[in-house]
N, C-alpha and C. Protein backbone atom coordinates (compact mmCIF):
# COMPACT_ATOMS: atom_id res chain seq x y z
N MET A 1 243.17 110.15 154.74
CA MET A 1 243.59 110.39 153.37
C MET A 1 244.22 111.77 153.24
N HIS A 2 243.65 112.75 153.91
CA HIS A 2 244.17 114.12 153.79
C HIS A 2 245.51 114.29 154.50
N LYS A 3 245.85 113.37 155.41
CA LYS A 3 247.14 113.45 156.10
C LYS A 3 248.22 112.66 155.38
N THR A 4 247.87 111.99 154.30
CA THR A 4 248.86 111.26 153.51
C THR A 4 248.91 111.87 152.11
N LEU A 5 248.10 111.38 151.20
CA LEU A 5 248.08 111.94 149.84
C LEU A 5 247.66 113.40 149.82
N GLY A 6 246.86 113.79 150.80
CA GLY A 6 246.41 115.17 150.87
C GLY A 6 247.51 116.16 151.16
N MET A 7 248.66 115.67 151.61
CA MET A 7 249.80 116.55 151.82
C MET A 7 250.54 116.82 150.51
N LEU A 8 250.29 115.99 149.52
CA LEU A 8 250.94 116.15 148.22
C LEU A 8 250.03 116.74 147.16
N PHE A 9 248.73 116.39 147.25
CA PHE A 9 247.77 116.81 146.24
C PHE A 9 246.55 117.46 146.89
N ALA A 10 245.98 118.45 146.22
CA ALA A 10 244.71 119.02 146.66
C ALA A 10 243.63 117.98 146.35
N LEU A 11 243.01 117.45 147.38
CA LEU A 11 242.01 116.39 147.22
C LEU A 11 240.61 116.95 147.43
N PRO A 12 239.65 116.44 146.69
CA PRO A 12 238.27 116.91 146.88
C PRO A 12 237.72 116.48 148.23
N ASN A 13 236.97 117.34 148.83
CA ASN A 13 236.34 117.02 150.11
C ASN A 13 234.93 117.58 150.08
N PRO A 14 233.91 116.77 150.04
CA PRO A 14 233.94 115.31 150.12
C PRO A 14 234.27 114.68 148.77
N TYR A 15 234.72 113.44 148.82
CA TYR A 15 235.04 112.67 147.62
C TYR A 15 233.75 112.18 146.99
N ASP A 16 233.54 112.51 145.71
CA ASP A 16 232.31 112.13 145.01
C ASP A 16 232.59 112.05 143.51
N LEU A 17 232.76 110.82 143.01
CA LEU A 17 233.05 110.64 141.58
C LEU A 17 231.92 111.11 140.69
N THR A 18 230.68 111.10 141.20
CA THR A 18 229.55 111.52 140.37
C THR A 18 229.59 113.01 140.08
N ARG A 19 230.44 113.73 140.76
CA ARG A 19 230.62 115.16 140.47
C ARG A 19 231.42 115.34 139.17
N ASP A 20 232.32 114.38 138.87
CA ASP A 20 233.18 114.49 137.69
C ASP A 20 232.75 113.60 136.52
N PHE A 21 232.00 112.52 136.81
CA PHE A 21 231.62 111.55 135.78
C PHE A 21 230.15 111.21 135.90
N ASP A 22 229.52 110.95 134.76
CA ASP A 22 228.12 110.51 134.82
C ASP A 22 228.06 109.02 135.14
N GLU A 23 226.89 108.57 135.54
CA GLU A 23 226.70 107.18 135.98
C GLU A 23 227.10 106.18 134.89
N ALA A 24 226.74 106.45 133.65
CA ALA A 24 227.06 105.53 132.56
C ALA A 24 228.57 105.34 132.40
N THR A 25 229.33 106.40 132.54
CA THR A 25 230.79 106.31 132.43
C THR A 25 231.37 105.46 133.55
N LEU A 26 230.89 105.65 134.77
CA LEU A 26 231.38 104.87 135.90
C LEU A 26 231.06 103.40 135.73
N ILE A 27 229.86 103.10 135.28
CA ILE A 27 229.46 101.70 135.07
C ILE A 27 230.27 101.09 133.93
N ARG A 28 230.43 101.82 132.84
CA ARG A 28 231.18 101.31 131.68
C ARG A 28 232.63 101.00 132.06
N ASN A 29 233.19 101.74 133.00
CA ASN A 29 234.57 101.53 133.43
C ASN A 29 234.68 100.62 134.64
N VAL A 30 233.59 99.94 134.95
CA VAL A 30 233.53 98.91 136.00
C VAL A 30 234.00 99.44 137.35
N ILE A 31 233.55 100.63 137.69
CA ILE A 31 233.84 101.19 139.01
C ILE A 31 232.62 100.90 139.88
N PRO A 32 232.79 100.07 140.91
CA PRO A 32 231.66 99.69 141.75
C PRO A 32 231.00 100.90 142.41
N ARG A 33 229.69 100.85 142.53
CA ARG A 33 228.94 101.96 143.15
C ARG A 33 229.44 102.30 144.55
N VAL A 34 229.90 101.31 145.28
CA VAL A 34 230.39 101.54 146.64
C VAL A 34 231.60 102.48 146.64
N ASN A 35 232.29 102.60 145.51
CA ASN A 35 233.46 103.47 145.42
C ASN A 35 233.17 104.84 144.81
N TRP A 36 231.92 105.14 144.56
CA TRP A 36 231.57 106.42 143.97
C TRP A 36 231.61 107.57 144.98
N HIS A 37 231.38 107.26 146.23
CA HIS A 37 231.32 108.29 147.28
C HIS A 37 232.17 107.86 148.47
N GLY A 38 232.90 108.78 149.04
CA GLY A 38 233.70 108.47 150.22
C GLY A 38 235.02 107.80 149.86
N TRP A 39 236.05 108.14 150.61
CA TRP A 39 237.38 107.60 150.36
C TRP A 39 237.48 106.14 150.73
N SER A 40 238.23 105.38 149.92
CA SER A 40 238.52 103.97 150.20
C SER A 40 239.85 103.64 149.52
N PRO A 41 240.42 102.47 149.81
CA PRO A 41 241.66 102.08 149.12
C PRO A 41 241.48 101.97 147.60
N ASN A 42 240.24 101.88 147.14
CA ASN A 42 239.96 101.76 145.71
C ASN A 42 239.54 103.07 145.06
N SER A 43 239.68 104.17 145.76
CA SER A 43 239.25 105.46 145.21
C SER A 43 240.01 105.82 143.94
N VAL A 44 239.29 106.37 142.99
CA VAL A 44 239.88 106.83 141.73
C VAL A 44 240.22 108.30 141.92
N LEU A 45 241.49 108.64 141.78
CA LEU A 45 241.91 110.02 141.96
C LEU A 45 241.84 110.77 140.63
N VAL A 46 241.14 111.86 140.63
CA VAL A 46 241.07 112.73 139.46
C VAL A 46 241.88 113.96 139.83
N ILE A 47 243.12 113.99 139.37
CA ILE A 47 244.00 115.11 139.72
C ILE A 47 244.58 115.72 138.45
N GLU A 48 244.95 116.98 138.57
CA GLU A 48 245.55 117.71 137.47
C GLU A 48 246.88 118.29 137.94
N LYS A 49 247.65 118.79 137.02
CA LYS A 49 248.96 119.34 137.33
C LYS A 49 248.87 120.39 138.44
N ASP A 50 247.87 121.23 138.40
CA ASP A 50 247.74 122.31 139.39
C ASP A 50 247.34 121.80 140.77
N ASP A 51 246.96 120.52 140.88
CA ASP A 51 246.60 119.96 142.18
C ASP A 51 247.83 119.59 143.01
N LEU A 52 249.00 119.58 142.42
CA LEU A 52 250.22 119.27 143.15
C LEU A 52 250.53 120.41 144.11
N LEU A 53 250.65 120.08 145.40
CA LEU A 53 250.88 121.10 146.41
C LEU A 53 252.35 121.44 146.59
N LEU A 54 253.24 120.52 146.23
CA LEU A 54 254.68 120.76 146.36
C LEU A 54 255.15 121.53 145.13
N LYS A 55 255.51 122.76 145.34
CA LYS A 55 255.95 123.61 144.24
C LYS A 55 257.45 123.88 144.39
N PRO A 56 258.17 123.97 143.26
CA PRO A 56 259.62 124.24 143.33
C PRO A 56 259.91 125.64 143.83
């Protein structure tokens, strides 16, 4: 992941959605527990403008 999207965006390492969202929010948004930790094709990216590594 860090050699693909990680070249464009600053990605969290390790990936952990529970750091940004509480359990109730993840469940309410139907994000399976298996996707809360560790990178997968279903990972939810929480990025902000400043996370973009390519600067003009």
